[in-house]
């Protein structure tokens, strides 16, 4: 299904958000939201779904390297459930995607680009959301043959 996807990295303090292009090929950083118990971050995510005509939301599931759910995974599952409830009337699905090592990868990428310290903390959640969404897009992309190439040559 064509359409934009939203990637979400749920943290205890911040929520990183990334957005795909309409073709579902490339994820880019969008915004970092403050995570609060009042649910204003969830309200803002719903508004972003509407604003960008999002067809699917991908929430990162931080499983352990052994593939088990720890406390952070339970938090992400609860967050995804709450978001699902808020998006139910819109019919926008919320899916969980394994996000092992995405924050580590995002930190390495930012460091390689010269973004360090305080500047890195401001964007790490968005970068992790990009990693989550891009990984999801890459594994879901259907490869279609190029009509201009011929394997019979």
Protein backbone atom coordinates (compact mmCIF):
# COMPACT_ATOMS: atom_id res chain seq x y z
CA UNK A 1 0.00 0.00 0.00
CA UNK A 2 1.40 3.38 -1.01
CA UNK A 3 1.42 6.21 1.48
CA UNK A 4 3.48 7.81 4.18
CA UNK A 5 4.49 5.92 7.28
CA UNK A 6 5.38 7.38 10.65
CA UNK A 7 8.21 5.86 12.69
CA UNK A 8 8.13 6.26 16.46
CA UNK A 9 10.95 5.74 18.98
CA UNK A 10 9.40 5.71 22.47
CA UNK A 11 11.65 6.83 25.29
CA UNK A 12 10.93 7.57 28.92
CA UNK A 13 11.52 11.30 28.39
CA UNK A 14 11.20 11.91 24.65
CA UNK A 15 9.50 10.38 21.61
CA UNK A 16 11.38 10.56 18.33
CA UNK A 17 9.31 10.71 15.15
CA UNK A 18 10.31 10.05 11.54
CA UNK A 19 8.26 10.22 8.34
CA UNK A 20 8.58 8.32 5.07
CA UNK A 21 8.05 9.61 1.58
CA UNK A 22 4.73 8.65 -0.07
CA UNK A 23 6.36 5.73 -1.91
CA UNK A 24 7.59 4.22 1.37
CA UNK A 25 11.24 4.22 0.32
CA UNK A 26 13.02 6.81 2.47
CA UNK A 27 12.61 7.76 6.13
CA UNK A 28 13.54 11.26 7.31
CA UNK A 29 13.55 12.87 10.77
CA UNK A 30 10.42 14.82 11.64
CA UNK A 31 10.20 15.92 15.27
CA UNK A 32 11.00 15.06 18.88
CA UNK A 33 8.10 15.19 21.32
CA UNK A 34 8.19 15.38 25.10
CA UNK A 35 6.79 12.12 26.52
CA UNK A 36 4.32 12.87 29.28
CA UNK A 37 1.74 11.01 31.32
CA UNK A 38 -1.01 13.41 30.22
CA UNK A 39 -0.87 12.02 26.68
CA UNK A 40 -0.14 15.27 24.86
CA UNK A 41 2.56 13.42 22.90
CA UNK A 42 -0.07 10.92 21.74
CA UNK A 43 -2.37 13.81 20.77
CA UNK A 44 0.45 15.33 18.74
CA UNK A 45 1.14 11.99 17.01
CA UNK A 46 -2.53 11.74 16.02
CA UNK A 47 -2.32 15.28 14.62
CA UNK A 48 0.82 14.30 12.64
CA UNK A 49 -1.00 11.25 11.24
CA UNK A 50 -3.78 13.54 10.02
CA UNK A 51 -1.47 16.30 8.78
CA UNK A 52 0.73 13.97 6.72
CA UNK A 53 -2.03 11.54 5.69
CA UNK A 54 -0.14 8.64 7.27
CA UNK A 55 -1.32 5.14 6.30
CA UNK A 56 0.61 3.22 8.99
CA UNK A 57 2.50 3.96 12.21
CA UNK A 58 5.58 1.90 13.10
CA UNK A 59 6.53 1.86 16.79
CA UNK A 60 9.95 0.54 17.71
CA UNK A 61 9.99 -2.50 19.99
CA UNK A 62 13.22 -2.50 22.03
CA UNK A 63 13.73 -6.21 22.61
CA UNK A 64 16.85 -7.60 24.25
CA UNK A 65 19.60 -9.12 22.13
CA UNK A 66 18.22 -12.50 23.23
CA UNK A 67 14.86 -11.54 21.70
CA UNK A 68 13.00 -11.07 24.98
CA UNK A 69 10.78 -8.24 26.15
CA UNK A 70 12.16 -6.17 28.98
CA UNK A 71 10.60 -3.15 30.72
CA UNK A 72 11.31 -0.85 27.75
CA UNK A 73 9.53 -3.27 25.39
CA UNK A 74 6.52 -3.37 27.70
CA UNK A 75 6.46 0.44 27.70
CA UNK A 76 6.58 0.48 23.88
CA UNK A 77 3.77 -2.09 23.67
CA UNK A 78 1.62 -0.02 26.03
CA UNK A 79 2.36 3.12 24.02
CA UNK A 80 1.44 1.36 20.76
CA UNK A 81 -1.81 0.14 22.34
CA UNK A 82 -2.69 3.65 23.51
CA UNK A 83 -1.92 5.06 20.05
CA UNK A 84 -3.98 2.30 18.42
CA UNK A 85 -6.94 3.33 20.56
CA UNK A 86 -6.59 6.96 19.52
CA UNK A 87 -6.29 6.06 15.83
CA UNK A 88 -9.05 3.43 15.75
CA UNK A 89 -11.65 5.75 14.23
CA UNK A 90 -9.23 6.64 11.41
CA UNK A 91 -8.40 3.04 10.56
CA UNK A 92 -4.65 3.74 10.69
CA UNK A 93 -2.82 0.60 11.81
CA UNK A 94 -0.06 0.70 14.42
CA UNK A 95 2.59 -2.00 14.10
CA UNK A 96 5.56 -2.90 16.26
CA UNK A 97 8.99 -3.35 14.69
CA UNK A 98 12.09 -4.81 16.32
CA UNK A 99 14.46 -1.95 17.08
CA UNK A 100 17.44 -3.72 18.60
CA UNK A 101 20.52 -1.51 18.43
CA UNK A 102 18.80 1.35 16.57
CA UNK A 103 19.85 3.95 19.15
CA UNK A 104 23.44 2.68 19.03
CA UNK A 105 23.40 2.85 15.22
CA UNK A 106 21.84 6.33 15.32
CA UNK A 107 24.49 7.55 17.78
CA UNK A 108 27.28 6.17 15.60
CA UNK A 109 25.82 7.79 12.48
CA UNK A 110 25.49 11.16 14.21
CA UNK A 111 29.06 10.92 15.59
CA UNK A 112 30.37 10.05 12.14
CA UNK A 113 28.70 13.23 10.86
CA UNK A 114 30.30 15.33 13.58
CA UNK A 115 27.18 15.72 15.74
CA UNK A 116 28.22 15.23 19.36
CA UNK A 117 27.33 16.05 22.94
CA UNK A 118 24.36 18.30 23.57
CA UNK A 119 23.52 18.61 19.86
CA UNK A 120 23.37 14.82 19.59
CA UNK A 121 20.98 14.54 22.54
CA UNK A 122 18.56 16.91 20.80
CA UNK A 123 18.29 14.75 17.68
CA UNK A 124 19.12 11.20 18.80
CA UNK A 125 15.45 10.28 19.25
CA UNK A 126 14.60 11.41 15.71
CA UNK A 127 17.63 9.56 14.35
CA UNK A 128 16.54 6.39 16.16
CA UNK A 129 13.02 6.80 14.74
CA UNK A 130 14.58 7.08 11.26
CA UNK A 131 16.51 3.83 11.87
CA UNK A 132 13.32 2.08 13.03
CA UNK A 133 11.25 3.28 10.10
CA UNK A 134 13.95 2.77 7.46
CA UNK A 135 14.56 -0.80 8.67
CA UNK A 136 10.83 -1.48 8.50
CA UNK A 137 10.54 0.03 5.01
CA UNK A 138 13.55 -1.91 3.75
CA UNK A 139 12.20 -5.26 4.95
CA UNK A 140 8.70 -4.59 3.62
CA UNK A 141 9.59 -3.16 0.24
CA UNK A 142 8.44 -5.34 -2.59
CA UNK A 143 11.10 -5.59 -5.24
CA UNK A 144 9.62 -5.11 -8.67
CA UNK A 145 11.62 -5.97 -11.77
CA UNK A 146 12.82 -3.09 -13.91
CA UNK A 147 10.87 -3.29 -17.20
CA UNK A 148 13.84 -1.76 -19.06
CA UNK A 149 16.24 -4.54 -18.07
CA UNK A 150 16.24 -8.00 -19.51
CA UNK A 151 17.63 -11.01 -17.73
CA UNK A 152 17.50 -12.99 -20.98
CA UNK A 153 20.29 -10.92 -22.62
